Protein backbone atom coordinates (compact mmCIF):
# COMPACT_ATOMS: atom_id res chain seq x y z
CA MET A 1 0.00 0.00 0.00
CA ALA A 2 1.41 3.40 -0.98
CA ARG A 3 2.08 5.83 1.83
CA GLN A 4 -0.31 8.76 1.99
CA GLU A 5 1.37 11.94 0.81
CA ARG A 6 1.69 14.64 3.44
CA VAL A 7 -0.13 17.93 3.04
CA GLN A 8 2.57 20.58 2.74
CA TYR A 9 2.29 24.21 1.74
CA GLU A 10 3.97 27.52 2.41
CA GLY A 11 3.00 29.16 5.69
CA ALA A 12 1.43 26.03 7.21
CA PHE A 13 1.38 25.38 10.96
CA TYR A 14 1.87 21.85 12.28
CA HIS A 15 1.70 19.87 15.49
CA VAL A 16 4.47 17.32 14.95
CA MET A 17 5.29 14.34 17.11
CA SER A 18 7.57 11.32 16.98
CA ARG A 19 7.58 8.31 19.29
CA GLY A 20 10.29 5.81 20.16
CA ASN A 21 10.39 2.50 18.32
CA ASP A 22 8.33 -0.08 20.27
CA LYS A 23 7.56 2.75 22.73
CA LYS A 24 11.15 2.73 23.98
CA LYS A 25 12.87 5.83 25.33
CA VAL A 26 14.31 8.27 22.83
CA PHE A 27 15.80 10.36 25.64
CA VAL A 28 17.76 8.33 28.16
CA ASP A 29 19.00 11.36 30.09
CA ASP A 30 19.22 15.14 29.97
CA ASN A 31 22.32 14.97 27.77
CA ASP A 32 20.14 13.42 25.07
CA ARG A 33 17.59 16.20 25.43
CA TRP A 34 20.28 18.88 25.19
CA ARG A 35 21.64 17.28 22.03
CA PHE A 36 18.16 17.00 20.50
CA LEU A 37 17.53 20.71 21.05
CA LYS A 38 20.93 21.54 19.57
CA ILE A 39 20.09 19.50 16.46
CA LEU A 40 16.62 21.06 16.33
CA GLY A 41 18.22 24.51 16.34
CA LYS A 42 20.47 23.57 13.45
CA VAL A 43 17.58 22.11 11.43
CA VAL A 44 15.37 25.15 12.07
CA LYS A 45 18.12 27.48 10.86
CA GLU A 46 19.16 25.49 7.80
CA SER A 47 15.64 24.52 6.68
CA GLY A 48 14.04 27.90 7.30
CA LEU A 49 11.47 26.47 9.70
CA LEU A 50 9.91 28.42 12.56
CA CYS A 51 9.63 26.64 15.90
CA HIS A 52 6.86 28.07 18.08
CA GLY A 53 6.93 25.43 20.80
CA TYR A 54 8.29 22.07 21.91
CA CYS A 55 8.05 19.46 24.65
CA LEU A 56 10.49 16.58 25.09
CA MET A 57 9.23 13.66 27.17
CA GLY A 58 10.75 10.19 27.67
CA ASN A 59 9.73 8.10 24.69
CA HIS A 60 8.42 10.88 22.45
CA TYR A 61 8.49 14.57 21.66
CA HIS A 62 6.09 17.23 20.39
CA LEU A 63 6.85 20.28 18.23
CA PHE A 64 4.81 23.26 17.05
CA LEU A 65 6.29 24.23 13.70
CA GLU A 66 5.59 26.68 10.89
CA THR A 67 6.87 26.11 7.36
CA PRO A 68 7.33 29.37 5.41
CA ASP A 69 8.74 27.31 2.51
CA GLY A 70 6.37 24.33 2.75
CA ASN A 71 9.20 21.90 3.50
CA LEU A 72 8.12 20.04 6.65
CA SER A 73 9.18 16.56 5.49
CA ASN A 74 12.64 17.70 4.52
CA GLY A 75 13.24 19.36 7.87
CA MET A 76 11.83 16.50 9.93
CA GLN A 77 13.79 13.87 8.03
CA ARG A 78 16.96 15.77 8.88
CA LEU A 79 15.97 16.15 12.53
CA ASN A 80 15.13 12.51 13.15
CA SER A 81 17.99 11.17 11.04
CA TRP A 82 20.65 13.32 12.71
CA TYR A 83 19.31 12.66 16.19
CA CYS A 84 18.99 8.90 15.63
CA HIS A 85 22.59 8.79 14.40
CA TYR A 86 23.70 10.56 17.59
CA PHE A 87 21.53 8.34 19.83
CA ASN A 88 22.79 5.04 18.40
CA SER A 89 26.39 6.21 18.51
CA MET A 90 26.10 7.50 22.09
CA HIS A 91 24.28 4.47 23.51
CA GLY A 92 25.87 1.69 21.44
CA LYS A 93 22.68 0.78 19.63
CA VAL A 94 21.74 0.00 16.04
CA GLY A 95 18.55 0.18 14.01
CA HIS A 96 15.54 2.45 14.25
CA VAL A 97 15.17 4.82 17.17
CA MET A 98 11.86 6.37 16.10
CA GLN A 99 8.70 4.40 15.38
CA GLY A 100 7.94 4.78 11.69
CA ARG A 101 7.28 8.16 10.13
CA PHE A 102 6.77 11.24 12.23
CA LYS A 103 3.15 12.29 12.71
CA SER A 104 1.97 15.73 11.69
CA PHE A 105 -1.35 17.49 12.18
CA ILE A 106 -2.18 20.78 10.49
CA VAL A 107 -3.13 23.50 12.97
CA ASP A 108 -5.80 25.34 11.02
CA ASP A 109 -8.21 26.69 13.62
CA ASP A 110 -7.97 28.63 16.87
CA ASP A 111 -9.47 25.87 19.00
CA TYR A 112 -6.75 23.40 18.01
CA LEU A 113 -4.09 26.10 18.32
CA PHE A 114 -4.91 26.98 21.93
CA ARG A 115 -5.36 23.33 22.93
CA LEU A 116 -1.92 22.62 21.47
CA LEU A 117 -0.31 25.48 23.40
CA ARG A 118 -1.70 24.08 26.64
CA TYR A 119 -0.82 20.51 25.73
CA LEU A 120 2.85 21.33 25.09
CA CYS A 121 3.13 23.01 28.49
CA LEU A 122 1.06 20.61 30.58
CA ASN A 123 2.04 17.24 29.12
CA PRO A 124 4.80 16.75 31.76
CA VAL A 125 2.29 17.60 34.50
CA LYS A 126 -0.31 15.18 33.14
CA ASP A 127 2.29 12.41 33.00
CA GLY A 128 3.37 13.08 36.58
CA PHE A 129 6.91 14.21 35.75
CA VAL A 130 6.50 17.54 37.58
CA GLY A 131 3.88 19.41 39.56
CA ALA A 132 4.00 22.60 37.49
CA PRO A 133 5.08 23.39 33.90
CA GLU A 134 7.90 25.74 34.95
CA HIS A 135 9.61 22.81 36.68
CA TRP A 136 10.09 20.95 33.39
CA ARG A 137 13.19 22.27 31.64
CA TRP A 138 12.44 20.49 28.40
CA SER A 139 9.47 22.43 27.09
CA SER A 140 9.07 25.91 25.68
CA TYR A 141 6.81 27.04 28.55
CA SER A 142 9.36 28.92 30.67
CA ALA A 143 10.88 30.71 27.69
CA ILE A 144 7.52 31.90 26.37
CA ALA A 145 6.34 32.85 29.87
CA GLY A 146 9.41 35.00 30.43
CA LEU A 147 10.82 32.79 33.17
CA SER A 148 14.00 31.70 31.38
CA ARG A 149 16.24 32.56 28.46
CA VAL A 150 14.71 32.08 25.02
CA PRO A 151 16.65 29.52 22.92
CA PRO A 152 17.88 30.97 19.60
CA PHE A 153 15.71 28.56 17.59
CA LEU A 154 12.45 29.35 19.44
CA ASP A 155 10.13 32.05 18.08
CA THR A 156 8.02 33.35 20.97
CA SER A 157 6.58 36.37 19.15
CA PHE A 158 3.79 34.45 17.39
CA THR A 159 2.46 32.88 20.58
CA LEU A 160 2.72 36.02 22.70
CA ALA A 161 0.94 38.09 20.05
CA LEU A 162 -2.09 35.83 20.53
CA PHE A 163 -2.49 37.22 24.05
CA SER A 164 -1.48 40.88 23.82
CA ASN A 165 0.46 43.42 21.78
CA ASP A 166 2.33 44.41 24.93
CA PRO A 167 5.15 41.85 25.53
CA GLN A 168 4.98 41.88 29.34
CA CYS A 169 1.20 41.72 29.40
CA ALA A 170 1.29 38.89 26.85
CA LYS A 171 3.59 36.82 29.08
CA GLU A 172 1.29 37.32 32.06
CA GLU A 173 -1.78 36.40 30.02
CA PHE A 174 0.02 33.33 28.66
CA ARG A 175 0.90 32.17 32.19
CA SER A 176 -2.72 32.68 33.28
CA PHE A 177 -4.00 30.74 30.28
CA ILE A 178 -1.76 27.76 31.06
CA ALA A 179 -2.61 27.95 34.77
CA GLU A 180 -6.31 27.59 33.94
CA GLY A 181 -5.58 24.11 32.59
CA MET A 182 -3.61 23.00 35.66
CA ILE A 183 -6.55 21.51 37.56
CA ASP A 184 -7.41 19.15 34.72
CA ALA A 185 -3.74 18.31 34.23
CA ARG A 186 -3.28 17.36 37.88
CA GLU A 187 -6.46 15.29 37.88
CA ILE A 188 -5.16 13.37 34.86
CA SER A 189 -1.82 12.90 36.62
CA ASP A 190 -3.56 11.57 39.74
CA ARG A 191 -5.62 9.12 37.67
CA LYS A 192 -2.50 7.86 35.90
CA GLN A 193 -0.79 7.31 39.25
CA LEU A 194 -3.85 5.40 40.52
CA LEU A 195 -3.89 3.23 37.41
CA LYS A 196 -0.18 2.56 37.86
CA SER A 197 -0.72 1.46 41.46
CA LEU A 198 -3.49 -0.97 40.42
CA PHE A 199 -1.13 -2.80 38.04
CA GLU A 200 2.01 -2.53 40.14
CA GLY A 201 3.41 -5.99 40.92
CA VAL A 202 1.00 -7.66 38.48
CA PHE A 203 2.80 -10.26 36.38
CA ASP A 204 0.56 -13.11 35.24
CA LYS A 205 -2.58 -13.04 33.10
CA HIS A 206 -5.01 -13.85 35.91
CA GLU A 207 -3.71 -11.04 38.11
CA ARG A 208 -3.87 -8.64 35.19
CA ASP A 209 -7.48 -9.64 34.40
CA VAL A 210 -8.46 -9.01 38.01
CA ALA A 211 -6.71 -5.62 37.96
CA VAL A 212 -8.47 -4.69 34.71
CA ARG A 213 -11.88 -5.46 36.17
CA SER A 214 -11.05 -3.57 39.36
CA ALA A 215 -9.87 -0.52 37.42
CA HIS A 216 -13.06 -0.47 35.35
CA GLU A 217 -15.71 -1.52 37.88
CA GLN A 218 -14.40 -0.07 41.14
CA TYR A 219 -12.53 3.00 39.99
CA GLY A 220 -14.43 3.92 36.83
CA PHE A 221 -11.58 3.85 34.32
CA GLU A 222 -12.73 3.79 30.71
CA VAL A 223 -11.77 0.89 28.43
CA GLU A 224 -9.63 3.26 26.32
CA GLU A 225 -7.70 4.50 29.38
CA ILE A 226 -6.83 0.97 30.51
CA ALA A 227 -5.93 -0.16 27.00
CA ALA A 228 -3.65 2.84 26.48
CA TYR A 229 -1.88 2.24 29.79
CA LEU A 230 -1.29 -1.46 29.08
CA GLY A 231 -0.42 -0.87 25.44
CA VAL A 232 -3.07 -3.25 24.10
CA HIS A 233 -6.07 -2.89 21.79
CA ARG A 234 -9.32 -1.75 23.41
CA THR A 235 -11.09 -4.95 22.29
CA THR A 236 -8.74 -6.98 24.53
CA ILE A 237 -9.91 -5.00 27.54
CA SER A 238 -13.56 -5.11 26.41
CA ARG A 239 -13.46 -8.90 26.15
CA ASN A 240 -11.98 -9.14 29.62
CA ILE A 241 -14.73 -6.98 31.13
CA LEU A 242 -17.46 -8.77 29.17
CA LYS A 243 -16.16 -12.14 30.35
CA SER A 244 -16.32 -10.87 33.93
CA CYS A 245 -19.93 -9.74 33.52
CA LYS A 246 -21.02 -13.14 32.13
CA SER A 247 -19.38 -15.05 34.96
CA ALA A 248 -20.79 -12.80 37.66
């Protein structure tokens, strides 16, 4: 089957993400993250891309990019190729580091745009890495909010202009906007920690089936949440729950 051609055009905005092969880490330590950002800066400069935001996690990363020249694929191929070469060389590995092609989603309406801005800042909070976005060094939040130095490759002007024409006021409004999403982010983090505790120490199939039913019936986790956490298809979880209902 032929791969679907990406939609690329001059002046497009994209939410781009790439995940580790087999969900493995693409950043083992902070040195990896520093190197990734250094490579990103080089790619942005040489490819003429504009980077409006980023967030580096453990087994994946997110970028908010603009393509004045309509050349997203070219820039991303450089980024992933150069970083993967570094990663394999540094950690003594071979083969693919990233899982397949990078994913890209066109940001073509304000609703998606503002959700993306929050997502980039609050992803580390939702995943329980930190309690507040300013505590995560590996996202663009602090730079845009005026809490740290702006990396040379990061364009903060576009984002800040969405909130105010006055730079200082824009930073304050941006911080307030992100803070409004903190309650939901912390609730998501708490739920992920609860789900983790339910499956902690679970090794065999029977124990896992019991934990699945407990998560769904006692704690109200949706089938999709459990499936995503365990890395299985939702039908596997549905069959487990249905089997439990029939035997009850």
